[in-house]
Amino acid sequence: MGRRGFDPLEIAERLARGELGPCGDGRFSIDRHGTWSYEGSMIARPELVRLFARVLHRLPDGRHFLITPFERIEVEVEDAPFLAVDLREETGEAGPRLVFRTNVGEEVVLSPRHPLRPVPDGRGGAVPYLALERGLEARVTRAVFYELVDRALPGADGRFGVISEGTWFPLEPEPR
């Protein structure tokens, strides 16, 4: 397939429908700390990890693939492929905006397009995940979560959350 007709989203949709399977060799994995490995060896070059990160996609069934014009390689992901490692606040047109930086240097504004998803941690707390492009997520690190908690306000439903881009985002899961 030539680059001219290459549409990674179309390939991801066909993978999800079972029309295509992997077509590359090698075993990639990403552990819960965001460390990438190939065939069991850590990929130590940050530039290489950033390159792979740009072609990573998550299918609706939760599987992850590196999709290029020439290969589709499944990636085993232990938790989330990325970590939200830094947070800063800016002033936007709709008020404060919270900007996250991931462990691969991507900056993402907390917004309806990139919301938080708080997941119960099994100990009475929550771990938030930030939605990224291509179905991917970044787990918010503990230090960044504490920064969010410092900014938290109670919402109409009694849960605490933060405001970014004029929208309130909960830091706690919905009560059961």
C-alpha atoms as a PDB file:
ATOM      1  CA  MET A   1       0.000   0.000   0.000  1.00  0.00           C
ATOM      2  CA  GLY A   2       1.508   3.323  -1.020  1.00  0.00           C
ATOM      3  CA  ARG A   3       1.542   6.390   1.173  1.00  0.00           C
ATOM      4  CA  ARG A   4      -0.927   8.164  -1.130  1.00  0.00           C
ATOM      5  CA  GLY A   5      -3.853   5.948  -0.028  1.00  0.00           C
ATOM      6  CA  PHE A   6      -2.725   5.543   3.590  1.00  0.00           C
ATOM      7  CA  ASP A   7      -5.402   6.328   6.183  1.00  0.00           C
ATOM      8  CA  PRO A   8      -4.428   5.044   9.648  1.00  0.00           C
ATOM      9  CA  LEU A   9      -7.939   5.596  11.046  1.00  0.00           C
ATOM     10  CA  GLU A  10      -9.448   3.508   8.245  1.00  0.00           C
ATOM     11  CA  ILE A  11      -6.899   0.762   8.965  1.00  0.00           C
ATOM     12  CA  ALA A  12      -7.734   0.922  12.694  1.00  0.00           C
ATOM     13  CA  GLU A  13     -11.452   0.577  11.850  1.00  0.00           C
ATOM     14  CA  ARG A  14     -10.753  -2.433   9.620  1.00  0.00           C
ATOM     15  CA  LEU A  15      -8.622  -4.004  12.376  1.00  0.00           C
ATOM     16  CA  ALA A  16     -11.475  -3.469  14.842  1.00  0.00           C
ATOM     17  CA  ARG A  17     -13.923  -5.169  12.442  1.00  0.00           C
ATOM     18  CA  GLY A  18     -11.568  -8.137  12.089  1.00  0.00           C
ATOM     19  CA  GLU A  19     -10.906  -7.509   8.395  1.00  0.00           C
ATOM     20  CA  LEU A  20      -7.157  -7.158   8.950  1.00  0.00           C
ATOM     21  CA  GLY A  21      -4.671  -8.734  11.284  1.00  0.00           C
ATOM     22  CA  PRO A  22      -1.188  -7.748  12.375  1.00  0.00           C
ATOM     23  CA  CYS A  23       1.338  -7.696   9.535  1.00  0.00           C
ATOM     24  CA  GLY A  24       4.659  -7.070  11.214  1.00  0.00           C
ATOM     25  CA  ASP A  25       7.165  -8.984  13.238  1.00  0.00           C
ATOM     26  CA  GLY A  26       8.242  -8.218  16.754  1.00  0.00           C
ATOM     27  CA  ARG A  27       6.752  -7.913  20.168  1.00  0.00           C
ATOM     28  CA  PHE A  28       6.277  -4.401  21.523  1.00  0.00           C
ATOM     29  CA  SER A  29       5.056  -3.697  25.030  1.00  0.00           C
ATOM     30  CA  ILE A  30       4.470  -0.708  27.299  1.00  0.00           C
ATOM     31  CA  ASP A  31       4.518  -1.273  31.059  1.00  0.00           C
ATOM     32  CA  ARG A  32       2.481   0.621  33.642  1.00  0.00           C
ATOM     33  CA  HIS A  33       5.328   3.121  34.088  1.00  0.00           C
ATOM     34  CA  GLY A  34       5.234   4.098  30.385  1.00  0.00           C
ATOM     35  CA  THR A  35       8.417   2.165  29.539  1.00  0.00           C
ATOM     36  CA  TRP A  36       8.450   0.835  25.986  1.00  0.00           C
ATOM     37  CA  SER A  37      10.123  -2.485  25.174  1.00  0.00           C
ATOM     38  CA  TYR A  38      10.815  -4.473  22.034  1.00  0.00           C
ATOM     39  CA  GLU A  39      11.336  -8.221  22.305  1.00  0.00           C
ATOM     40  CA  GLY A  40      11.832  -7.759  26.071  1.00  0.00           C
ATOM     41  CA  SER A  41      14.525  -5.058  25.761  1.00  0.00           C
ATOM     42  CA  MET A  42      13.779  -1.524  26.924  1.00  0.00           C
ATOM     43  CA  ILE A  43      13.723   1.122  24.206  1.00  0.00           C
ATOM     44  CA  ALA A  44      16.000   3.704  25.807  1.00  0.00           C
ATOM     45  CA  ARG A  45      16.061   6.392  23.107  1.00  0.00           C
ATOM     46  CA  PRO A  46      13.347   8.975  23.850  1.00  0.00           C
ATOM     47  CA  GLU A  47      13.294  10.039  20.178  1.00  0.00           C
ATOM     48  CA  LEU A  48      12.417   6.496  19.118  1.00  0.00           C
ATOM     49  CA  VAL A  49       9.681   6.214  21.740  1.00  0.00           C
ATOM     50  CA  ARG A  50       8.193   9.535  20.543  1.00  0.00           C
ATOM     51  CA  LEU A  51       8.280   8.270  16.958  1.00  0.00           C
ATOM     52  CA  PHE A  52       6.410   5.077  17.883  1.00  0.00           C
ATOM     53  CA  ALA A  53       3.984   7.063  20.064  1.00  0.00           C
ATOM     54  CA  ARG A  54       2.889   9.111  17.031  1.00  0.00           C
ATOM     55  CA  VAL A  55       1.675   5.971  15.211  1.00  0.00           C
ATOM     56  CA  LEU A  56       0.083   4.205  18.198  1.00  0.00           C
ATOM     57  CA  HIS A  57      -3.690   3.647  18.041  1.00  0.00           C
ATOM     58  CA  ARG A  58      -6.163   2.033  20.435  1.00  0.00           C
ATOM     59  CA  LEU A  59      -9.058   0.067  19.005  1.00  0.00           C
ATOM     60  CA  PRO A  60     -12.510   0.114  20.629  1.00  0.00           C
ATOM     61  CA  ASP A  61     -11.848  -3.403  21.980  1.00  0.00           C
ATOM     62  CA  GLY A  62      -8.818  -2.068  23.902  1.00  0.00           C
ATOM     63  CA  ARG A  63      -6.070  -3.517  21.695  1.00  0.00           C
ATOM     64  CA  HIS A  64      -3.209  -1.214  20.729  1.00  0.00           C
ATOM     65  CA  PHE A  65      -1.437  -1.149  17.345  1.00  0.00           C
ATOM     66  CA  LEU A  66       1.426   0.679  15.735  1.00  0.00           C
ATOM     67  CA  ILE A  67       0.007   1.576  12.320  1.00  0.00           C
ATOM     68  CA  THR A  68       2.272   2.753   9.503  1.00  0.00           C
ATOM     69  CA  PRO A  69       1.840   2.643   5.725  1.00  0.00           C
ATOM     70  CA  PHE A  70       3.760  -0.640   5.723  1.00  0.00           C
ATOM     71  CA  GLU A  71       2.998  -2.460   8.991  1.00  0.00           C
ATOM     72  CA  ARG A  72       0.390  -3.096  11.672  1.00  0.00           C
ATOM     73  CA  ILE A  73       2.009  -4.360  14.847  1.00  0.00           C
ATOM     74  CA  GLU A  74       0.055  -5.146  17.993  1.00  0.00           C
ATOM     75  CA  VAL A  75       1.445  -3.607  21.202  1.00  0.00           C
ATOM     76  CA  GLU A  76       0.821  -5.123  24.627  1.00  0.00           C
ATOM     77  CA  VAL A  77      -0.085  -2.303  27.038  1.00  0.00           C
ATOM     78  CA  GLU A  78      -0.139  -3.072  30.761  1.00  0.00           C
ATOM     79  CA  ASP A  79      -2.244  -0.057  31.827  1.00  0.00           C
ATOM     80  CA  ALA A  80      -2.222   3.152  29.779  1.00  0.00           C
ATOM     81  CA  PRO A  81       0.453   3.745  27.155  1.00  0.00           C
ATOM     82  CA  PHE A  82       1.271   7.232  28.441  1.00  0.00           C
ATOM     83  CA  LEU A  83       1.565   9.140  31.699  1.00  0.00           C
ATOM     84  CA  ALA A  84       0.447  12.711  32.397  1.00  0.00           C
ATOM     85  CA  VAL A  85       3.593  13.926  34.167  1.00  0.00           C
ATOM     86  CA  ASP A  86       3.161  17.688  34.366  1.00  0.00           C
ATOM     87  CA  LEU A  87       0.362  20.227  34.703  1.00  0.00           C
ATOM     88  CA  ARG A  88       0.157  23.956  34.224  1.00  0.00           C
ATOM     89  CA  GLU A  89      -2.696  26.434  34.246  1.00  0.00           C
ATOM     90  CA  GLU A  90      -3.208  29.035  31.529  1.00  0.00           C
ATOM     91  CA  THR A  91      -5.825  31.689  30.998  1.00  0.00           C
ATOM     92  CA  GLY A  92      -8.047  30.925  28.035  1.00  0.00           C
ATOM     93  CA  GLU A  93     -11.074  32.563  26.420  1.00  0.00           C
ATOM     94  CA  ALA A  94     -13.435  30.438  28.543  1.00  0.00           C
ATOM     95  CA  GLY A  95     -11.457  30.958  31.774  1.00  0.00           C
ATOM     96  CA  PRO A  96      -8.733  28.754  33.197  1.00  0.00           C
ATOM     97  CA  ARG A  97      -7.413  25.925  31.093  1.00  0.00           C
ATOM     98  CA  LEU A  98      -5.393  23.041  32.439  1.00  0.00           C
ATOM     99  CA  VAL A  99      -2.608  21.821  30.174  1.00  0.00           C
ATOM    100  CA  PHE A 100      -1.087  18.381  30.759  1.00  0.00           C
ATOM    101  CA  ARG A 101       2.268  17.227  29.404  1.00  0.00           C
ATOM    102  CA  THR A 102       2.747  13.521  28.798  1.00  0.00           C
ATOM    103  CA  ASN A 103       5.898  11.462  29.260  1.00  0.00           C
ATOM    104  CA  VAL A 104       6.478  11.708  25.493  1.00  0.00           C
ATOM    105  CA  GLY A 105       6.234  15.511  25.470  1.00  0.00           C
ATOM    106  CA  GLU A 106       2.703  15.870  24.074  1.00  0.00           C
ATOM    107  CA  GLU A 107       0.677  18.756  25.512  1.00  0.00           C
ATOM    108  CA  VAL A 108      -3.058  18.251  25.941  1.00  0.00           C
ATOM    109  CA  VAL A 109      -5.660  20.722  27.202  1.00  0.00           C
ATOM    110  CA  LEU A 110      -8.284  19.265  29.528  1.00  0.00           C
ATOM    111  CA  SER A 111     -11.482  19.860  27.539  1.00  0.00           C
ATOM    112  CA  PRO A 112     -14.612  18.053  26.382  1.00  0.00           C
ATOM    113  CA  ARG A 113     -12.462  16.613  23.569  1.00  0.00           C
ATOM    114  CA  HIS A 114      -9.842  15.433  26.108  1.00  0.00           C
ATOM    115  CA  PRO A 115     -11.762  14.688  29.345  1.00  0.00           C
ATOM    116  CA  LEU A 116     -10.667  12.939  32.514  1.00  0.00           C
ATOM    117  CA  ARG A 117     -11.980   9.472  33.331  1.00  0.00           C
ATOM    118  CA  PRO A 118     -11.702   8.733  37.074  1.00  0.00           C
ATOM    119  CA  VAL A 119     -11.370   4.998  37.794  1.00  0.00           C
ATOM    120  CA  PRO A 120     -11.770   3.503  41.291  1.00  0.00           C
ATOM    121  CA  ASP A 121      -8.389   2.365  42.638  1.00  0.00           C
ATOM    122  CA  GLY A 122      -9.811  -0.355  44.909  1.00  0.00           C
ATOM    123  CA  ARG A 123      -8.732   1.520  48.068  1.00  0.00           C
ATOM    124  CA  GLY A 124     -11.496   4.114  48.183  1.00  0.00           C
ATOM    125  CA  GLY A 125      -9.738   6.579  45.897  1.00  0.00           C
ATOM    126  CA  ALA A 126      -9.504   7.097  42.168  1.00  0.00           C
ATOM    127  CA  VAL A 127      -6.942   7.170  39.397  1.00  0.00           C
ATOM    128  CA  PRO A 128      -7.756   9.642  36.614  1.00  0.00           C
ATOM    129  CA  TYR A 129      -6.993   8.926  32.964  1.00  0.00           C
ATOM    130  CA  LEU A 130      -6.769  11.698  30.374  1.00  0.00           C
ATOM    131  CA  ALA A 131      -8.267  11.013  26.935  1.00  0.00           C
ATOM    132  CA  LEU A 132      -5.850  11.606  24.059  1.00  0.00           C
ATOM    133  CA  GLU A 133      -6.173  11.290  20.288  1.00  0.00           C
ATOM    134  CA  ARG A 134      -6.613   7.963  18.464  1.00  0.00           C
ATOM    135  CA  GLY A 135      -8.452   6.353  21.388  1.00  0.00           C
ATOM    136  CA  LEU A 136      -5.389   6.564  23.646  1.00  0.00           C
ATOM    137  CA  GLU A 137      -5.147   7.575  27.303  1.00  0.00           C
ATOM    138  CA  ALA A 138      -2.552   8.883  29.719  1.00  0.00           C
ATOM    139  CA  ARG A 139      -2.703   7.868  33.377  1.00  0.00           C
ATOM    140  CA  VAL A 140      -2.363  10.945  35.581  1.00  0.00           C
ATOM    141  CA  THR A 141       0.623  10.487  37.892  1.00  0.00           C
ATOM    142  CA  ARG A 142       0.184  10.837  41.631  1.00  0.00           C
ATOM    143  CA  ALA A 143       2.069  14.168  41.795  1.00  0.00           C
ATOM    144  CA  VAL A 144      -0.109  15.661  39.045  1.00  0.00           C
ATOM    145  CA  PHE A 145      -3.248  14.247  40.678  1.00  0.00           C
ATOM    146  CA  TYR A 146      -2.304  16.086  43.911  1.00  0.00           C
ATOM    147  CA  GLU A 147      -2.008  19.306  41.878  1.00  0.00           C
ATOM    148  CA  LEU A 148      -5.514  18.672  40.547  1.00  0.00           C
ATOM    149  CA  VAL A 149      -6.804  18.032  44.082  1.00  0.00           C
ATOM    150  CA  ASP A 150      -5.357  21.413  45.160  1.00  0.00           C
ATOM    151  CA  ARG A 151      -7.525  23.045  42.449  1.00  0.00           C
ATOM    152  CA  ALA A 152     -10.632  20.923  43.120  1.00  0.00           C
ATOM    153  CA  LEU A 153     -14.071  22.368  43.731  1.00  0.00           C
ATOM    154  CA  PRO A 154     -17.284  20.559  44.665  1.00  0.00           C
ATOM    155  CA  GLY A 155     -19.614  19.913  41.740  1.00  0.00           C
ATOM    156  CA  ALA A 156     -23.400  19.896  41.623  1.00  0.00           C
ATOM    157  CA  ASP A 157     -23.387  16.130  42.279  1.00  0.00           C
ATOM    158  CA  GLY A 158     -21.208  16.457  45.409  1.00  0.00           C
ATOM    159  CA  ARG A 159     -18.066  15.057  43.791  1.00  0.00           C
ATOM    160  CA  PHE A 160     -14.908  17.124  43.614  1.00  0.00           C
ATOM    161  CA  GLY A 161     -13.536  18.168  40.249  1.00  0.00           C
ATOM    162  CA  VAL A 162     -11.660  20.811  38.308  1.00  0.00           C
ATOM    163  CA  ILE A 163     -12.679  23.391  35.719  1.00  0.00           C
ATOM    164  CA  SER A 164     -10.891  23.765  32.400  1.00  0.00           C
ATOM    165  CA  GLU A 165     -12.097  25.405  29.191  1.00  0.00           C
ATOM    166  CA  GLY A 166     -15.346  26.319  30.981  1.00  0.00           C
ATOM    167  CA  THR A 167     -16.222  22.677  31.754  1.00  0.00           C
ATOM    168  CA  TRP A 168     -16.201  20.878  35.107  1.00  0.00           C
ATOM    169  CA  PHE A 169     -14.412  17.501  35.169  1.00  0.00           C
ATOM    170  CA  PRO A 170     -14.873  15.108  38.120  1.00  0.00           C
ATOM    171  CA  LEU A 171     -11.854  13.704  39.944  1.00  0.00           C
ATOM    172  CA  GLU A 172     -13.981  11.049  41.610  1.00  0.00           C
ATOM    173  CA  PRO A 173     -15.909   8.182  39.961  1.00  0.00           C
ATOM    174  CA  GLU A 174     -19.683   8.278  39.962  1.00  0.00           C
ATOM    175  CA  PRO A 175     -21.137   6.781  43.146  1.00  0.00           C
ATOM    176  CA  ARG A 176     -22.461   3.267  42.748  1.00  0.00           C
END
